[in-house]
Amino acid sequence: MYDHGSRFSGPLFAAFCVREPQPDGPHIGFTVPRALGKAVARNRIKRRVREAVRGRLDRLNPHWSIVINPRRKALDAPLTEIEREVERLFSRCNGS
C-alpha cells in the first residue's frame, strides 16, 4: 500500500490510498504511532477521526483502501475541522 498507492498530506493526518481492482470496500484503517502519546490519547485520536470517517464513508468509491495516520493536532482540533479534512481526502480519491 505505501509503495504502490498515493499519499495525501494535510494538517491533521497523512493518508495512504490505493485503488483496488476488485471493489469489496471501501476499506479504512488507522495507524497512530506511540510518539503521539499514551494509549488514552492515541485511542481518543482514533475515535475522533473514525467518527469523522463514519459519517462520510458512503461518499467514498468502493474501490479504495485507505490508511489514515493522524497527527498530534487531531487530538485538539474541532470535529468539524477533522470532518472537513476527511471530506477533502475522499473527494481527492473519488476525483482520481
PDB file of N, CA and C in Angstrom:
ATOM      1  N   MET A   1       0.827  -1.185   0.000  1.00  0.00           N
ATOM      2  CA  MET A   1       0.000   0.000   0.000  1.00  0.00           C
ATOM      3  C   MET A   1       0.871   1.249   0.000  1.00  0.00           C
ATOM      4  N   TYR A   2       1.886   1.305   0.843  1.00  0.00           N
ATOM      5  CA  TYR A   2       2.702   2.500   0.960  1.00  0.00           C
ATOM      6  C   TYR A   2       3.551   2.733  -0.284  1.00  0.00           C
ATOM      7  N   ASP A   3       3.927   1.668  -0.975  1.00  0.00           N
ATOM      8  CA  ASP A   3       4.773   1.797  -2.157  1.00  0.00           C
ATOM      9  C   ASP A   3       3.976   2.032  -3.431  1.00  0.00           C
ATOM     10  N   HIS A   4       2.786   1.483  -3.535  1.00  0.00           N
ATOM     11  CA  HIS A   4       2.054   1.498  -4.797  1.00  0.00           C
ATOM     12  C   HIS A   4       0.900   2.500  -4.833  1.00  0.00           C
ATOM     13  N   GLY A   5       0.552   3.068  -3.725  1.00  0.00           N
ATOM     14  CA  GLY A   5      -0.585   3.986  -3.700  1.00  0.00           C
ATOM     15  C   GLY A   5      -0.152   5.432  -3.748  1.00  0.00           C
ATOM     16  N   SER A   6      -1.095   6.315  -3.489  1.00  0.00           N
ATOM     17  CA  SER A   6      -0.799   7.740  -3.449  1.00  0.00           C
ATOM     18  C   SER A   6      -0.895   8.231  -2.013  1.00  0.00           C
ATOM     19  N   ARG A   7      -0.249   9.371  -1.754  1.00  0.00           N
ATOM     20  CA  ARG A   7      -0.187   9.912  -0.403  1.00  0.00           C
ATOM     21  C   ARG A   7      -0.927  11.242  -0.380  1.00  0.00           C
ATOM     22  N   PHE A   8      -1.699  11.436   0.669  1.00  0.00           N
ATOM     23  CA  PHE A   8      -2.401  12.688   0.907  1.00  0.00           C
ATOM     24  C   PHE A   8      -1.890  13.233   2.232  1.00  0.00           C
ATOM     25  N   SER A   9      -1.423  14.465   2.241  1.00  0.00           N
ATOM     26  CA  SER A   9      -0.956  15.086   3.479  1.00  0.00           C
ATOM     27  C   SER A   9      -1.796  16.304   3.784  1.00  0.00           C
ATOM     28  N   GLY A  10      -2.205  16.391   5.014  1.00  0.00           N
ATOM     29  CA  GLY A  10      -2.966  17.531   5.480  1.00  0.00           C
ATOM     30  C   GLY A  10      -2.476  17.922   6.857  1.00  0.00           C
ATOM     31  N   PRO A  11      -3.030  18.962   7.424  1.00  0.00           N
ATOM     32  CA  PRO A  11      -2.576  19.391   8.749  1.00  0.00           C
ATOM     33  C   PRO A  11      -2.963  18.437   9.874  1.00  0.00           C
ATOM     34  N   LEU A  12      -4.014  17.629   9.680  1.00  0.00           N
ATOM     35  CA  LEU A  12      -4.494  16.760  10.748  1.00  0.00           C
ATOM     36  C   LEU A  12      -4.080  15.302  10.596  1.00  0.00           C
ATOM     37  N   PHE A  13      -3.789  14.876   9.381  1.00  0.00           N
ATOM     38  CA  PHE A  13      -3.361  13.495   9.171  1.00  0.00           C
ATOM     39  C   PHE A  13      -2.713  13.326   7.812  1.00  0.00           C
ATOM     40  N   ALA A  14      -1.990  12.241   7.687  1.00  0.00           N
ATOM     41  CA  ALA A  14      -1.484  11.789   6.397  1.00  0.00           C
ATOM     42  C   ALA A  14      -2.289  10.547   6.054  1.00  0.00           C
ATOM     43  N   ALA A  15      -2.560  10.356   4.779  1.00  0.00           N
ATOM     44  CA  ALA A  15      -3.335   9.193   4.355  1.00  0.00           C
ATOM     45  C   ALA A  15      -2.655   8.557   3.154  1.00  0.00           C
ATOM     46  N   PHE A  16      -2.685   7.241   3.144  1.00  0.00           N
ATOM     47  CA  PHE A  16      -2.125   6.467   2.045  1.00  0.00           C
ATOM     48  C   PHE A  16      -3.287   5.745   1.373  1.00  0.00           C
ATOM     49  N   CYS A  17      -3.446   5.980   0.078  1.00  0.00           N
ATOM     50  CA  CYS A  17      -4.605   5.480  -0.652  1.00  0.00           C
ATOM     51  C   CYS A  17      -4.149   4.592  -1.795  1.00  0.00           C
ATOM     52  N   VAL A  18      -4.838   3.476  -1.970  1.00  0.00           N
ATOM     53  CA  VAL A  18      -4.570   2.605  -3.107  1.00  0.00           C
ATOM     54  C   VAL A  18      -5.907   2.175  -3.691  1.00  0.00           C
ATOM     55  N   ARG A  19      -5.966   2.173  -5.010  1.00  0.00           N
ATOM     56  CA  ARG A  19      -7.187   1.774  -5.717  1.00  0.00           C
ATOM     57  C   ARG A  19      -7.117   0.283  -5.992  1.00  0.00           C
ATOM     58  N   GLU A  20      -8.095  -0.446  -5.482  1.00  0.00           N
ATOM     59  CA  GLU A  20      -8.161  -1.891  -5.644  1.00  0.00           C
ATOM     60  C   GLU A  20      -8.919  -2.237  -6.927  1.00  0.00           C
ATOM     61  N   PRO A  21      -8.455  -3.232  -7.690  1.00  0.00           N
ATOM     62  CA  PRO A  21      -9.142  -3.591  -8.933  1.00  0.00           C
ATOM     63  C   PRO A  21     -10.510  -4.246  -8.707  1.00  0.00           C
ATOM     64  N   GLN A  22     -10.653  -5.014  -7.655  1.00  0.00           N
ATOM     65  CA  GLN A  22     -11.927  -5.669  -7.334  1.00  0.00           C
ATOM     66  C   GLN A  22     -12.580  -4.938  -6.162  1.00  0.00           C
ATOM     67  N   PRO A  23     -13.691  -4.235  -6.388  1.00  0.00           N
ATOM     68  CA  PRO A  23     -14.291  -3.462  -5.293  1.00  0.00           C
ATOM     69  C   PRO A  23     -14.980  -4.356  -4.264  1.00  0.00           C
ATOM     70  N   ASP A  24     -14.473  -4.347  -3.068  1.00  0.00           N
ATOM     71  CA  ASP A  24     -15.151  -5.016  -1.958  1.00  0.00           C
ATOM     72  C   ASP A  24     -15.063  -4.130  -0.722  1.00  0.00           C
ATOM     73  N   GLY A  25     -14.978  -2.869  -0.934  1.00  0.00           N
ATOM     74  CA  GLY A  25     -14.757  -1.945   0.167  1.00  0.00           C
ATOM     75  C   GLY A  25     -15.769  -0.831   0.137  1.00  0.00           C
ATOM     76  N   PRO A  26     -15.390   0.307   0.521  1.00  0.00           N
ATOM     77  CA  PRO A  26     -14.039   0.779   0.782  1.00  0.00           C
ATOM     78  C   PRO A  26     -13.507   0.269   2.119  1.00  0.00           C
ATOM     79  N   HIS A  27     -12.193   0.232   2.234  1.00  0.00           N
ATOM     80  CA  HIS A  27     -11.545  -0.180   3.468  1.00  0.00           C
ATOM     81  C   HIS A  27     -10.797   1.009   4.045  1.00  0.00           C
ATOM     82  N   ILE A  28     -10.980   1.241   5.338  1.00  0.00           N
ATOM     83  CA  ILE A  28     -10.298   2.330   6.022  1.00  0.00           C
ATOM     84  C   ILE A  28      -9.584   1.740   7.232  1.00  0.00           C
ATOM     85  N   GLY A  29      -8.301   2.066   7.379  1.00  0.00           N
ATOM     86  CA  GLY A  29      -7.520   1.634   8.530  1.00  0.00           C
ATOM     87  C   GLY A  29      -6.887   2.840   9.203  1.00  0.00           C
ATOM     88  N   PHE A  30      -6.489   2.667  10.443  1.00  0.00           N
ATOM     89  CA  PHE A  30      -5.885   3.757  11.210  1.00  0.00           C
ATOM     90  C   PHE A  30      -4.593   3.263  11.837  1.00  0.00           C
ATOM     91  N   THR A  31      -3.552   4.087  11.767  1.00  0.00           N
ATOM     92  CA  THR A  31      -2.312   3.806  12.473  1.00  0.00           C
ATOM     93  C   THR A  31      -1.963   5.050  13.272  1.00  0.00           C
ATOM     94  N   VAL A  32      -1.776   4.894  14.559  1.00  0.00           N
ATOM     95  CA  VAL A  32      -1.428   6.022  15.414  1.00  0.00           C
ATOM     96  C   VAL A  32      -0.134   5.657  16.133  1.00  0.00           C
ATOM     97  N   PRO A  33       0.974   6.340  15.816  1.00  0.00           N
ATOM     98  CA  PRO A  33       2.261   5.993  16.416  1.00  0.00           C
ATOM     99  C   PRO A  33       2.321   6.334  17.906  1.00  0.00           C
ATOM    100  N   ARG A  34       3.148   5.630  18.619  1.00  0.00           N
ATOM    101  CA  ARG A  34       3.305   5.857  20.056  1.00  0.00           C
ATOM    102  C   ARG A  34       3.833   7.243  20.374  1.00  0.00           C
ATOM    103  N   ALA A  35       4.463   7.858  19.405  1.00  0.00           N
ATOM    104  CA  ALA A  35       5.009   9.200  19.618  1.00  0.00           C
ATOM    105  C   ALA A  35       3.913  10.225  19.906  1.00  0.00           C
ATOM    106  N   LEU A  36       2.668   9.912  19.589  1.00  0.00           N
ATOM    107  CA  LEU A  36       1.572  10.851  19.823  1.00  0.00           C
ATOM    108  C   LEU A  36       1.074  10.840  21.256  1.00  0.00           C
ATOM    109  N   GLY A  37       1.561   9.938  22.063  1.00  0.00           N
ATOM    110  CA  GLY A  37       1.159   9.929  23.463  1.00  0.00           C
ATOM    111  C   GLY A  37       0.851   8.527  23.958  1.00  0.00           C
ATOM    112  N   LYS A  38       0.348   8.488  25.158  1.00  0.00           N
ATOM    113  CA  LYS A  38      -0.014   7.201  25.756  1.00  0.00           C
ATOM    114  C   LYS A  38      -1.285   6.668  25.111  1.00  0.00           C
ATOM    115  N   ALA A  39      -1.654   5.464  25.488  1.00  0.00           N
ATOM    116  CA  ALA A  39      -2.777   4.770  24.854  1.00  0.00           C
ATOM    117  C   ALA A  39      -4.074   5.573  24.922  1.00  0.00           C
ATOM    118  N   VAL A  40      -4.298   6.278  26.011  1.00  0.00           N
ATOM    119  CA  VAL A  40      -5.532   7.052  26.154  1.00  0.00           C
ATOM    120  C   VAL A  40      -5.613   8.126  25.067  1.00  0.00           C
ATOM    121  N   ALA A  41      -4.520   8.847  24.864  1.00  0.00           N
ATOM    122  CA  ALA A  41      -4.500   9.905  23.847  1.00  0.00           C
ATOM    123  C   ALA A  41      -4.605   9.316  22.443  1.00  0.00           C
ATOM    124  N   ARG A  42      -3.882   8.226  22.191  1.00  0.00           N
ATOM    125  CA  ARG A  42      -3.919   7.600  20.864  1.00  0.00           C
ATOM    126  C   ARG A  42      -5.319   7.077  20.549  1.00  0.00           C
ATOM    127  N   ASN A  43      -5.971   6.466  21.510  1.00  0.00           N
ATOM    128  CA  ASN A  43      -7.330   5.954  21.290  1.00  0.00           C
ATOM    129  C   ASN A  43      -8.324   7.094  21.081  1.00  0.00           C
ATOM    130  N   ARG A  44      -8.132   8.194  21.778  1.00  0.00           N
ATOM    131  CA  ARG A  44      -9.023   9.341  21.598  1.00  0.00           C
ATOM    132  C   ARG A  44      -8.886   9.904  20.190  1.00  0.00           C
ATOM    133  N   ILE A  45      -7.660  10.007  19.705  1.00  0.00           N
ATOM    134  CA  ILE A  45      -7.432  10.490  18.336  1.00  0.00           C
ATOM    135  C   ILE A  45      -8.120   9.563  17.348  1.00  0.00           C
ATOM    136  N   LYS A  46      -7.939   8.250  17.525  1.00  0.00           N
ATOM    137  CA  LYS A  46      -8.566   7.289  16.612  1.00  0.00           C
ATOM    138  C   LYS A  46     -10.084   7.405  16.641  1.00  0.00           C
ATOM    139  N   ARG A  47     -10.668   7.547  17.822  1.00  0.00           N
ATOM    140  CA  ARG A  47     -12.127   7.674  17.924  1.00  0.00           C
ATOM    141  C   ARG A  47     -12.630   8.910  17.200  1.00  0.00           C
ATOM    142  N   ARG A  48     -11.922  10.025  17.340  1.00  0.00           N
ATOM    143  CA  ARG A  48     -12.351  11.274  16.707  1.00  0.00           C
ATOM    144  C   ARG A  48     -12.281  11.169  15.186  1.00  0.00           C
ATOM    145  N   VAL A  49     -11.190  10.636  14.670  1.00  0.00           N
ATOM    146  CA  VAL A  49     -11.051  10.514  13.216  1.00  0.00           C
ATOM    147  C   VAL A  49     -12.016   9.463  12.682  1.00  0.00           C
ATOM    148  N   ARG A  50     -12.189   8.357  13.408  1.00  0.00           N
ATOM    149  CA  ARG A  50     -13.119   7.308  12.979  1.00  0.00           C
ATOM    150  C   ARG A  50     -14.542   7.854  12.891  1.00  0.00           C
ATOM    151  N   GLU A  51     -14.932   8.698  13.826  1.00  0.00           N
ATOM    152  CA  GLU A  51     -16.273   9.289  13.800  1.00  0.00           C
ATOM    153  C   GLU A  51     -16.445  10.199  12.582  1.00  0.00           C
ATOM    154  N   ALA A  52     -15.412  10.954  12.248  1.00  0.00           N
ATOM    155  CA  ALA A  52     -15.482  11.816  11.067  1.00  0.00           C
ATOM    156  C   ALA A  52     -15.587  10.983   9.794  1.00  0.00           C
ATOM    157  N   VAL A  53     -14.906   9.844   9.754  1.00  0.00           N
ATOM    158  CA  VAL A  53     -14.945   8.966   8.580  1.00  0.00           C
ATOM    159  C   VAL A  53     -16.300   8.275   8.480  1.00  0.00           C
ATOM    160  N   ARG A  54     -16.828   7.830   9.598  1.00  0.00           N
ATOM    161  CA  ARG A  54     -18.074   7.056   9.611  1.00  0.00           C
ATOM    162  C   ARG A  54     -19.225   7.813   8.939  1.00  0.00           C
ATOM    163  N   GLY A  55     -19.306   9.095   9.165  1.00  0.00           N
ATOM    164  CA  GLY A  55     -20.398   9.876   8.598  1.00  0.00           C
ATOM    165  C   GLY A  55     -20.274  10.124   7.101  1.00  0.00           C
ATOM    166  N   ARG A  56     -19.092   9.875   6.543  1.00  0.00           N
ATOM    167  CA  ARG A  56     -18.862  10.166   5.127  1.00  0.00           C
ATOM    168  C   ARG A  56     -18.473   8.948   4.309  1.00  0.00           C
ATOM    169  N   LEU A  57     -18.476   7.797   4.887  1.00  0.00           N
ATOM    170  CA  LEU A  57     -18.000   6.587   4.209  1.00  0.00           C
ATOM    171  C   LEU A  57     -18.833   6.244   2.984  1.00  0.00           C
ATOM    172  N   ASP A  58     -20.117   6.571   3.011  1.00  0.00           N
ATOM    173  CA  ASP A  58     -20.971   6.263   1.861  1.00  0.00           C
ATOM    174  C   ASP A  58     -20.631   7.116   0.638  1.00  0.00           C
ATOM    175  N   ARG A  59     -19.864   8.180   0.819  1.00  0.00           N
ATOM    176  CA  ARG A  59     -19.465   9.045  -0.297  1.00  0.00           C
ATOM    177  C   ARG A  59     -18.186   8.582  -0.978  1.00  0.00           C
ATOM    178  N   LEU A  60     -17.539   7.564  -0.442  1.00  0.00           N
ATOM    179  CA  LEU A  60     -16.262   7.086  -0.976  1.00  0.00           C
ATOM    180  C   LEU A  60     -16.491   5.937  -1.937  1.00  0.00           C
ATOM    181  N   ASN A  61     -15.817   5.979  -3.065  1.00  0.00           N
ATOM    182  CA  ASN A  61     -15.872   4.928  -4.077  1.00  0.00           C
ATOM    183  C   ASN A  61     -15.427   3.603  -3.455  1.00  0.00           C
ATOM    184  N   PRO A  62     -16.113   2.482  -3.711  1.00  0.00           N
ATOM    185  CA  PRO A  62     -15.770   1.202  -3.074  1.00  0.00           C
ATOM    186  C   PRO A  62     -14.446   0.606  -3.534  1.00  0.00           C
ATOM    187  N   HIS A  63     -13.786   1.205  -4.489  1.00  0.00           N
ATOM    188  CA  HIS A  63     -12.502   0.690  -4.969  1.00  0.00           C
ATOM    189  C   HIS A  63     -11.326   1.080  -4.068  1.00  0.00           C
ATOM    190  N   TRP A  64     -11.528   1.945  -3.117  1.00  0.00           N
ATOM    191  CA  TRP A  64     -10.406   2.496  -2.354  1.00  0.00           C
ATOM    192  C   TRP A  64     -10.125   1.759  -1.057  1.00  0.00           C
ATOM    193  N   SER A  65      -8.835   1.614  -0.773  1.00  0.00           N
ATOM    194  CA  SER A  65      -8.342   1.191   0.538  1.00  0.00           C
ATOM    195  C   SER A  65      -7.461   2.324   1.042  1.00  0.00           C
ATOM    196  N   ILE A  66      -7.728   2.778   2.247  1.00  0.00           N
ATOM    197  CA  ILE A  66      -7.035   3.958   2.782  1.00  0.00           C
ATOM    198  C   ILE A  66      -6.535   3.654   4.185  1.00  0.00           C
ATOM    199  N   VAL A  67      -5.310   4.072   4.470  1.00  0.00           N
ATOM    200  CA  VAL A  67      -4.764   4.027   5.828  1.00  0.00           C
ATOM    201  C   VAL A  67      -4.544   5.470   6.253  1.00  0.00           C
ATOM    202  N   ILE A  68      -5.147   5.840   7.367  1.00  0.00           N
ATOM    203  CA  ILE A  68      -5.051   7.208   7.885  1.00  0.00           C
ATOM    204  C   ILE A  68      -4.104   7.207   9.077  1.00  0.00           C
ATOM    205  N   ASN A  69      -3.130   8.113   9.020  1.00  0.00           N
ATOM    206  CA  ASN A  69      -2.154   8.263  10.090  1.00  0.00           C
ATOM    207  C   ASN A  69      -2.318   9.661  10.689  1.00  0.00           C
ATOM    208  N   PRO A  70      -3.088   9.772  11.787  1.00  0.00           N
ATOM    209  CA  PRO A  70      -3.365  11.093  12.371  1.00  0.00           C
ATOM    210  C   PRO A  70      -2.111  11.756  12.937  1.00  0.00           C
ATOM    211  N   ARG A  71      -2.149  13.062  12.953  1.00  0.00           N
ATOM    212  CA  ARG A  71      -1.088  13.858  13.577  1.00  0.00           C
ATOM    213  C   ARG A  71      -1.587  14.333  14.944  1.00  0.00           C
ATOM    214  N   ARG A  72      -0.663  14.831  15.738  1.00  0.00           N
ATOM    215  CA  ARG A  72      -0.982  15.269  17.102  1.00  0.00           C
ATOM    216  C   ARG A  72      -2.065  16.354  17.108  1.00  0.00           C
ATOM    217  N   LYS A  73      -2.102  17.180  16.099  1.00  0.00           N
ATOM    218  CA  LYS A  73      -3.078  18.276  16.033  1.00  0.00           C
ATOM    219  C   LYS A  73      -4.519  17.753  16.014  1.00  0.00           C
ATOM    220  N   ALA A  74      -4.731  16.519  15.572  1.00  0.00           N
ATOM    221  CA  ALA A  74      -6.088  15.949  15.515  1.00  0.00           C
ATOM    222  C   ALA A  74      -6.684  15.736  16.907  1.00  0.00           C
ATOM    223  N   LEU A  75      -5.838  15.695  17.931  1.00  0.00           N
ATOM    224  CA  LEU A  75      -6.332  15.484  19.291  1.00  0.00           C
ATOM    225  C   LEU A  75      -7.151  16.680  19.772  1.00  0.00           C
ATOM    226  N   ASP A  76      -6.720  17.902  19.421  1.00  0.00           N
ATOM    227  CA  ASP A  76      -7.378  19.102  19.926  1.00  0.00           C
ATOM    228  C   ASP A  76      -8.211  19.836  18.880  1.00  0.00           C
ATOM    229  N   ALA A  77      -8.161  19.380  17.635  1.00  0.00           N
ATOM    230  CA  ALA A  77      -8.891  20.063  16.563  1.00  0.00           C
ATOM    231  C   ALA A  77     -10.396  19.856  16.742  1.00  0.00           C
ATOM    232  N   PRO A  78     -11.187  20.856  16.376  1.00  0.00           N
ATOM    233  CA  PRO A  78     -12.640  20.674  16.428  1.00  0.00           C
ATOM    234  C   PRO A  78     -13.073  19.575  15.458  1.00  0.00           C
ATOM    235  N   LEU A  79     -14.120  18.868  15.805  1.00  0.00           N
ATOM    236  CA  LEU A  79     -14.591  17.762  14.973  1.00  0.00           C
ATOM    237  C   LEU A  79     -14.961  18.238  13.573  1.00  0.00           C
ATOM    238  N   THR A  80     -15.478  19.448  13.452  1.00  0.00           N
ATOM    239  CA  THR A  80     -15.829  19.964  12.130  1.00  0.00           C
ATOM    240  C   THR A  80     -14.596  20.108  11.246  1.00  0.00           C
ATOM    241  N   GLU A  81     -13.469  20.461  11.828  1.00  0.00           N
ATOM    242  CA  GLU A  81     -12.229  20.574  11.055  1.00  0.00           C
ATOM    243  C   GLU A  81     -11.744  19.204  10.589  1.00  0.00           C
ATOM    244  N   ILE A  82     -11.861  18.192  11.455  1.00  0.00           N
ATOM    245  CA  ILE A  82     -11.485  16.828  11.077  1.00  0.00           C
ATOM    246  C   ILE A  82     -12.409  16.335   9.968  1.00  0.00           C
ATOM    247  N   GLU A  83     -13.701  16.602  10.097  1.00  0.00           N
ATOM    248  CA  GLU A  83     -14.665  16.203   9.070  1.00  0.00           C
ATOM    249  C   GLU A  83     -14.350  16.865   7.729  1.00  0.00           C
ATOM    250  N   ARG A  84     -13.965  18.133   7.760  1.00  0.00           N
ATOM    251  CA  ARG A  84     -13.620  18.854   6.540  1.00  0.00           C
ATOM    252  C   ARG A  84     -12.389  18.226   5.872  1.00  0.00           C
ATOM    253  N   GLU A  85     -11.423  17.834   6.680  1.00  0.00           N
ATOM    254  CA  GLU A  85     -10.206  17.220   6.147  1.00  0.00           C
ATOM    255  C   GLU A  85     -10.502  15.839   5.550  1.00  0.00           C
ATOM    256  N   VAL A  86     -11.366  15.070   6.192  1.00  0.00           N
ATOM    257  CA  VAL A  86     -11.774  13.766   5.656  1.00  0.00           C
ATOM    258  C   VAL A  86     -12.524  13.961   4.344  1.00  0.00           C
ATOM    259  N   GLU A  87     -13.367  14.972   4.294  1.00  0.00           N
ATOM    260  CA  GLU A  87     -14.107  15.285   3.061  1.00  0.00           C
ATOM    261  C   GLU A  87     -13.142  15.603   1.920  1.00  0.00           C
ATOM    262  N   ARG A  88     -12.103  16.370   2.203  1.00  0.00           N
ATOM    263  CA  ARG A  88     -11.099  16.692   1.181  1.00  0.00           C
ATOM    264  C   ARG A  88     -10.390  15.425   0.696  1.00  0.00           C
ATOM    265  N   LEU A  89     -10.058  14.536   1.625  1.00  0.00           N
ATOM    266  CA  LEU A  89      -9.406  13.277   1.255  1.00  0.00           C
ATOM    267  C   LEU A  89     -10.307  12.440   0.347  1.00  0.00           C
ATOM    268  N   PHE A  90     -11.563  12.269   0.728  1.00  0.00           N
ATOM    269  CA  PHE A  90     -12.482  11.453  -0.054  1.00  0.00           C
ATOM    270  C   PHE A  90     -12.748  12.074  -1.426  1.00  0.00           C
ATOM    271  N   SER A  91     -12.885  13.389  -1.507  1.00  0.00           N
ATOM    272  CA  SER A  91     -13.116  13.995  -2.816  1.00  0.00           C
ATOM    273  C   SER A  91     -11.875  13.865  -3.700  1.00  0.00           C
ATOM    274  N   ARG A  92     -10.713  13.901  -3.108  1.00  0.00           N
ATOM    275  CA  ARG A  92      -9.489  13.698  -3.896  1.00  0.00           C
ATOM    276  C   ARG A  92      -9.413  12.262  -4.419  1.00  0.00           C
ATOM    277  N   CYS A  93      -9.777  11.303  -3.592  1.00  0.00           N
ATOM    278  CA  CYS A  93      -9.769   9.901  -4.027  1.00  0.00           C
ATOM    279  C   CYS A  93     -10.798   9.674  -5.131  1.00  0.00           C
ATOM    280  N   ASN A  94     -11.989  10.192  -4.944  1.00  0.00           N
ATOM    281  CA  ASN A  94     -13.057   9.981  -5.926  1.00  0.00           C
ATOM    282  C   ASN A  94     -12.757  10.692  -7.245  1.00  0.00           C
ATOM    283  N   GLY A  95     -11.972  11.756  -7.174  1.00  0.00           N
ATOM    284  CA  GLY A  95     -11.639  12.502  -8.373  1.00  0.00           C
ATOM    285  C   GLY A  95     -10.563  11.848  -9.203  1.00  0.00           C
ATOM    286  N   SER A  96      -9.754  10.939  -8.596  1.00  0.00           N
ATOM    287  CA  SER A  96      -8.669  10.314  -9.364  1.00  0.00           C
ATOM    288  C   SER A  96      -9.075   9.047 -10.029  1.00  0.00           C
TER     289      SER A  96
END
